[in-house]
Amino acid sequence: MSMAEEAIKSALERRLARSVVIKDADAYERLYGELRTGMTNAWGTAMREGIAAALDRLRDLGPGKFSREDGETIMNVLEASVGPEAIRAAMREPVVNLTDALFRTGAEEVGQAVGVSIAFARPDLDALDVLKTGNLYWIGNSWNIKTQNNIAKILEDYFTEGMTREGLTQRFAEDFAGMSDRSLTYWELLADHTATKTREIGRVSGYERAEVARVQVRAQIDEGTTEICRQMNGRIIEVTKMRAQVTEYLDAVGKRDEPRAKAAWALNSDEDVDLSDINDEDLDASIASPPYHFRCRTITVAYFE
């Protein structure tokens, strides 16, 4: 397929994902499901290819004890399939297309709720471009944090146990297949968080275009509700504060400044939370918008007195 044909195909797929915003009342859940499936499928395919390539290399190394040098060789082979660049390439299509659709879904939800048509301005589209590349970067970069440590631990065990290369192939395939399956939960969690945050950033643009000045935080209250969501439930937040949070976060993402991005959009644990003495207007901008934690179900809605 030529470059021109690839570009047309990608544009059509993006339009198809975007059409869900208008046609489907359950757009968010559907798009989140597509993102989760796309990311986990890409991860599973990359790991299968990586395991096959590493097994080939093990056989090529010939008989003998598995050494630290062998471990570094296998790590390099695996990185070609599941390293940051490889994972970004594998997940690019679902992440870029569905980031676009989820952002628009958030804005459209606001428009439908307040009865206006949302028309994006240049700043919204610029923010969306940063968000697409930023989501893709963080997803690929997460390999360094999670997967590399798991791979290194398995390879270290082979060395310390004094295993031979000949006897290693079956154990290698089983161990890495098991690690790949366990990692699916991590990718599902990351897909959930990416989808929720992208949608909420789109809602901020929607509030601004609909000239909504304030929103109310709405948590789902049940036995699974976290402390931060209970304390945020019902609070009134200025849209200007939400925009300040989004601007800080996107600027950090655009500059690949991970500590600053994390500070701009705080992920809270129950032990850290006590907002009882803080008025709505005094809340820190880092908790202006959900998600407030992983698997967060809290949303914002337009508020009119």
Protein backbone atom coordinates (compact mmCIF):
# COMPACT_ATOMS: atom_id res chain seq x y z
CA MET A 1 0.00 0.00 0.00
CA SER A 2 1.39 3.39 -1.03
CA MET A 3 1.95 6.29 1.37
CA ALA A 4 -1.01 8.15 -0.15
CA GLU A 5 -3.28 5.12 0.28
CA GLU A 6 -2.11 4.69 3.89
CA ALA A 7 -2.91 8.35 4.61
CA ILE A 8 -6.40 8.03 3.11
CA LYS A 9 -7.02 4.82 5.07
CA SER A 10 -5.96 6.46 8.36
CA ALA A 11 -8.13 9.51 7.69
CA LEU A 12 -11.17 7.32 6.97
CA GLU A 13 -10.60 5.31 10.16
CA ARG A 14 -10.36 8.53 12.17
CA ARG A 15 -13.61 9.78 10.62
CA LEU A 16 -15.29 6.47 11.41
CA ALA A 17 -14.24 6.64 15.06
CA ARG A 18 -15.31 10.28 15.22
CA SER A 19 -18.78 9.44 13.82
CA VAL A 20 -19.55 7.48 17.00
CA VAL A 21 -19.74 10.82 18.84
CA ILE A 22 -22.86 11.84 16.96
CA LYS A 23 -24.60 8.52 16.37
CA ASP A 24 -24.20 6.57 19.57
CA ALA A 25 -25.72 7.56 22.93
CA ASP A 26 -23.17 5.33 24.66
CA ALA A 27 -20.28 6.80 22.70
CA TYR A 28 -17.81 6.96 25.56
CA GLU A 29 -18.19 3.34 26.64
CA ARG A 30 -17.91 2.18 23.06
CA LEU A 31 -14.82 4.24 22.33
CA TYR A 32 -13.18 3.22 25.60
CA GLY A 33 -13.83 -0.43 24.70
CA GLU A 34 -12.20 0.10 21.30
CA LEU A 35 -9.16 1.76 22.88
CA ARG A 36 -8.76 -1.02 25.44
CA THR A 37 -9.08 -3.71 22.77
CA GLY A 38 -6.68 -1.92 20.42
CA MET A 39 -4.03 -1.48 23.10
CA THR A 40 -4.25 -5.01 24.51
CA ASN A 41 -4.26 -6.60 21.05
CA ALA A 42 -1.21 -4.55 20.05
CA TRP A 43 0.56 -5.60 23.24
CA GLY A 44 -0.30 -9.29 22.77
CA THR A 45 0.90 -9.28 19.15
CA ALA A 46 4.13 -7.47 20.03
CA MET A 47 4.89 -9.92 22.84
CA ARG A 48 4.26 -12.98 20.64
CA GLU A 49 6.64 -11.61 18.03
CA GLY A 50 9.20 -10.74 20.70
CA ILE A 51 9.08 -14.21 22.28
CA ALA A 52 9.49 -15.89 18.88
CA ALA A 53 12.48 -13.69 18.00
CA ALA A 54 14.10 -14.27 21.40
CA LEU A 55 13.67 -18.05 21.13
CA ASP A 56 15.37 -17.96 17.72
CA ARG A 57 18.26 -16.04 19.23
CA LEU A 58 18.55 -18.48 22.15
CA ARG A 59 18.86 -21.38 19.71
CA ASP A 60 21.44 -19.46 17.69
CA LEU A 61 23.57 -18.93 20.81
CA GLY A 62 24.23 -22.67 20.99
CA PRO A 63 24.96 -24.86 24.06
CA GLY A 64 26.34 -23.55 27.32
CA LYS A 65 25.32 -21.75 30.49
CA PHE A 66 22.99 -18.76 30.24
CA SER A 67 25.11 -15.70 31.07
CA ARG A 68 24.55 -12.05 31.85
CA GLU A 69 25.77 -11.25 28.36
CA ASP A 70 23.12 -13.61 26.98
CA GLY A 71 20.54 -11.80 29.10
CA GLU A 72 21.51 -8.45 27.59
CA THR A 73 21.27 -9.96 24.10
CA ILE A 74 17.77 -11.30 24.76
CA MET A 75 16.73 -7.98 26.28
CA ASN A 76 17.82 -6.19 23.09
CA VAL A 77 15.90 -8.68 20.94
CA LEU A 78 12.74 -8.24 23.01
CA GLU A 79 13.05 -4.46 23.01
CA ALA A 80 12.82 -4.50 19.22
CA SER A 81 9.26 -5.81 19.61
CA VAL A 82 8.11 -4.43 22.97
CA GLY A 83 10.42 -1.47 23.56
CA PRO A 84 9.04 2.09 23.75
CA GLU A 85 9.37 2.82 20.04
CA ALA A 86 7.91 -0.54 19.01
CA ILE A 87 4.95 -0.22 21.37
CA ARG A 88 4.24 3.31 20.17
CA ALA A 89 4.26 2.06 16.58
CA ALA A 90 2.01 -0.90 17.40
CA MET A 91 -0.51 1.23 19.30
CA ARG A 92 -0.36 4.37 17.17
CA GLU A 93 -3.51 3.79 15.14
CA PRO A 94 -5.99 3.08 17.97
CA VAL A 95 -4.45 5.66 20.32
CA VAL A 96 -4.35 8.56 17.84
CA ASN A 97 -7.76 7.87 16.28
CA LEU A 98 -9.54 7.22 19.56
CA THR A 99 -7.91 10.14 21.38
CA ASP A 100 -9.49 12.33 18.70
CA ALA A 101 -12.89 10.66 19.08
CA LEU A 102 -12.87 10.64 22.91
CA PHE A 103 -11.94 14.33 23.07
CA ARG A 104 -14.81 15.18 20.73
CA THR A 105 -17.15 12.92 22.69
CA GLY A 106 -16.46 14.88 25.88
CA ALA A 107 -17.21 18.19 24.15
CA GLU A 108 -20.30 16.81 22.42
CA GLU A 109 -21.69 15.50 25.72
CA VAL A 110 -21.55 19.05 27.06
CA GLY A 111 -23.22 20.43 23.95
CA GLN A 112 -26.05 17.92 24.12
CA ALA A 113 -26.56 18.57 27.84
CA VAL A 114 -26.87 22.36 27.51
CA GLY A 115 -28.52 22.36 24.08
CA VAL A 116 -25.83 24.04 21.98
CA SER A 117 -23.71 22.98 19.04
CA ILE A 118 -20.02 22.82 19.92
CA ALA A 119 -17.69 24.31 17.32
CA PHE A 120 -14.00 23.93 18.08
CA ALA A 121 -11.65 26.90 17.80
CA ARG A 122 -7.97 26.82 16.91
CA PRO A 123 -6.81 26.41 20.55
CA ASP A 124 -9.00 23.31 20.96
CA LEU A 125 -7.54 21.66 17.86
CA ASP A 126 -4.00 22.59 18.92
CA ALA A 127 -4.64 21.03 22.33
CA LEU A 128 -6.00 17.90 20.65
CA ASP A 129 -2.82 17.56 18.57
CA VAL A 130 -0.68 17.76 21.72
CA LEU A 131 -2.93 15.25 23.46
CA LYS A 132 -2.64 12.72 20.62
CA THR A 133 1.15 12.72 20.60
CA GLY A 134 1.27 12.98 24.40
CA ASN A 135 -0.97 9.95 24.95
CA LEU A 136 1.10 7.94 22.50
CA TYR A 137 4.35 9.01 24.16
CA TRP A 138 3.24 8.10 27.70
CA ILE A 139 1.87 4.77 26.58
CA GLY A 140 5.15 3.84 24.92
CA ASN A 141 7.21 5.26 27.75
CA SER A 142 5.36 3.14 30.30
CA TRP A 143 7.30 0.13 28.95
CA ASN A 144 10.38 1.44 30.73
CA ILE A 145 8.55 1.60 34.03
CA LYS A 146 6.66 -1.66 33.98
CA THR A 147 7.67 -4.19 31.36
CA GLN A 148 11.44 -3.75 31.35
CA ASN A 149 11.65 -4.49 35.07
CA ASN A 150 9.60 -7.68 34.67
CA ILE A 151 11.72 -8.87 31.74
CA ALA A 152 14.97 -8.09 33.55
CA LYS A 153 13.80 -10.03 36.63
CA ILE A 154 13.00 -13.14 34.60
CA LEU A 155 16.36 -13.03 32.80
CA GLU A 156 18.21 -12.48 36.09
CA ASP A 157 16.53 -15.57 37.53
CA TYR A 158 17.79 -17.67 34.62
CA PHE A 159 21.33 -16.51 35.27
CA THR A 160 21.29 -17.00 39.05
CA GLU A 161 19.72 -20.46 38.72
CA GLY A 162 22.56 -21.54 36.44
CA MET A 163 20.29 -22.65 33.62
CA THR A 164 21.66 -23.92 30.33
CA ARG A 165 20.59 -22.40 27.03
CA GLU A 166 19.43 -25.80 25.78
CA GLY A 167 17.03 -26.32 28.66
CA LEU A 168 15.80 -22.76 28.69
CA THR A 169 13.61 -22.51 25.61
CA GLN A 170 10.44 -24.13 27.00
CA ARG A 171 10.70 -22.31 30.34
CA PHE A 172 11.38 -19.03 28.53
CA ALA A 173 8.26 -19.35 26.36
CA GLU A 174 6.06 -20.20 29.36
CA ASP A 175 7.44 -17.46 31.63
CA PHE A 176 7.13 -14.71 29.05
CA ALA A 177 3.68 -15.81 27.91
CA GLY A 178 2.57 -15.64 31.55
CA MET A 179 4.11 -12.20 31.97
CA SER A 180 2.34 -11.01 28.83
CA ASP A 181 -1.03 -12.23 30.14
CA ARG A 182 -0.53 -10.55 33.51
CA SER A 183 0.45 -7.32 31.79
CA LEU A 184 -2.90 -7.17 29.97
CA THR A 185 -4.50 -5.90 33.17
CA TYR A 186 -1.98 -3.06 33.26
CA TRP A 187 -2.76 -2.06 29.66
CA GLU A 188 -6.50 -2.18 30.39
CA LEU A 189 -5.93 0.11 33.37
CA LEU A 190 -3.87 2.50 31.25
CA ALA A 191 -6.54 2.50 28.52
CA ASP A 192 -9.22 3.34 31.08
CA HIS A 193 -7.21 6.23 32.51
CA THR A 194 -6.26 7.57 29.08
CA ALA A 195 -9.87 7.47 27.88
CA THR A 196 -11.25 9.13 31.01
CA LYS A 197 -8.72 11.97 31.03
CA THR A 198 -9.04 12.58 27.27
CA ARG A 199 -12.82 12.77 27.54
CA GLU A 200 -12.64 15.22 30.43
CA ILE A 201 -10.20 17.47 28.57
CA GLY A 202 -12.70 17.50 25.72
CA ARG A 203 -15.44 18.45 28.18
CA VAL A 204 -13.43 21.47 29.31
CA SER A 205 -13.34 22.69 25.70
CA GLY A 206 -17.06 21.99 25.47
CA TYR A 207 -17.81 24.05 28.58
CA GLU A 208 -15.84 26.97 27.21
CA ARG A 209 -17.48 26.89 23.78
CA ALA A 210 -20.92 26.60 25.42
CA GLU A 211 -20.05 29.53 27.73
CA VAL A 212 -20.52 27.48 30.88
CA ALA A 213 -18.74 29.22 33.74
CA ARG A 214 -19.00 26.57 36.47
CA VAL A 215 -19.45 22.82 36.76
CA GLN A 216 -20.50 20.44 39.49
CA VAL A 217 -18.58 17.28 40.33
CA ARG A 218 -20.73 14.14 40.28
CA ALA A 219 -19.40 10.92 41.79
CA GLN A 220 -21.09 7.53 41.66
CA ILE A 221 -21.73 6.84 45.32
CA ASP A 222 -21.62 3.17 46.28
CA GLU A 223 -19.37 0.79 48.20
CA GLY A 224 -16.63 1.24 45.61
CA THR A 225 -16.46 5.04 45.82
CA THR A 226 -13.05 6.32 46.90
CA GLU A 227 -12.51 8.93 49.58
CA ILE A 228 -11.32 11.60 47.15
CA CYS A 229 -14.46 11.18 45.03
CA ARG A 230 -16.72 11.31 48.10
CA GLN A 231 -15.07 14.56 49.19
CA MET A 232 -15.22 16.05 45.68
CA ASN A 233 -18.82 15.02 45.03
CA GLY A 234 -21.12 18.03 44.71
CA ARG A 235 -18.36 20.62 44.67
CA ILE A 236 -18.64 23.58 42.31
CA ILE A 237 -15.56 24.21 40.16
CA GLU A 238 -14.83 27.23 37.97
CA VAL A 239 -14.18 26.31 34.35
CA THR A 240 -11.24 28.73 34.38
CA LYS A 241 -9.60 26.58 37.05
CA MET A 242 -10.18 23.46 34.94
CA ARG A 243 -8.64 25.21 31.93
CA ALA A 244 -5.60 26.19 34.00
CA GLN A 245 -5.12 22.53 34.93
CA VAL A 246 -5.48 21.36 31.31
CA THR A 247 -3.09 24.04 30.04
CA GLU A 248 -0.43 23.13 32.60
CA TYR A 249 -0.84 19.41 31.90
CA LEU A 250 -0.68 19.75 28.11
CA ASP A 251 2.32 22.05 28.27
CA ALA A 252 4.15 19.50 30.42
CA VAL A 253 3.12 16.66 28.11
CA GLY A 254 4.28 18.60 25.06
CA LYS A 255 7.69 19.05 26.69
CA ARG A 256 7.80 15.40 27.87
CA ASP A 257 8.12 16.64 31.45
CA GLU A 258 6.71 13.65 33.34
CA PRO A 259 7.07 14.99 36.93
CA ARG A 260 5.36 18.25 35.98
CA ALA A 261 2.57 16.41 34.13
CA LYS A 262 1.93 14.23 37.18
CA ALA A 263 1.86 17.29 39.43
CA ALA A 264 -0.59 19.06 37.10
CA TRP A 265 -3.11 16.21 37.27
CA ALA A 266 -2.79 14.54 40.63
CA LEU A 267 -3.61 10.87 41.19
CA ASN A 268 -4.76 10.54 44.77
CA SER A 269 -4.77 7.68 47.21
CA ASP A 270 -7.25 7.58 50.08
CA GLU A 271 -4.49 8.08 52.63
CA ASP A 272 -3.58 11.45 51.11
CA VAL A 273 -7.06 12.97 51.09
CA ASP A 274 -8.53 15.42 53.56
CA LEU A 275 -10.38 18.28 51.89
CA SER A 276 -12.79 18.93 54.73
CA ASP A 277 -11.39 22.38 55.54
CA ILE A 278 -10.91 23.52 51.95
CA ASN A 279 -13.59 25.57 50.20
CA ASP A 280 -14.43 24.89 46.58
CA GLU A 281 -12.74 28.06 45.34
CA ASP A 282 -9.56 27.19 47.28
CA LEU A 283 -9.07 23.71 45.85
CA ASP A 284 -5.77 23.18 44.12
CA ALA A 285 -5.95 23.21 40.32
CA SER A 286 -4.37 19.73 40.23
CA ILE A 287 -7.70 18.24 41.37
CA ALA A 288 -10.00 20.52 39.40
CA SER A 289 -11.11 17.78 37.00
CA PRO A 290 -11.48 14.03 37.24
CA PRO A 291 -10.07 11.43 36.92
CA TYR A 292 -8.84 11.76 40.48
CA HIS A 293 -7.39 8.23 40.54
CA PHE A 294 -7.13 5.14 38.36
CA ARG A 295 -10.51 3.60 37.49
CA CYS A 296 -12.21 6.88 38.44
CA ARG A 297 -15.94 7.02 37.57
CA THR A 298 -16.52 10.63 38.61
CA ILE A 299 -17.55 13.18 35.97
CA THR A 300 -18.41 16.89 35.80
CA VAL A 301 -21.68 18.46 34.62
CA ALA A 302 -22.61 22.01 33.73
CA TYR A 303 -23.86 23.93 36.77
CA PHE A 304 -26.48 26.65 36.70
CA GLU A 305 -27.76 28.08 39.96
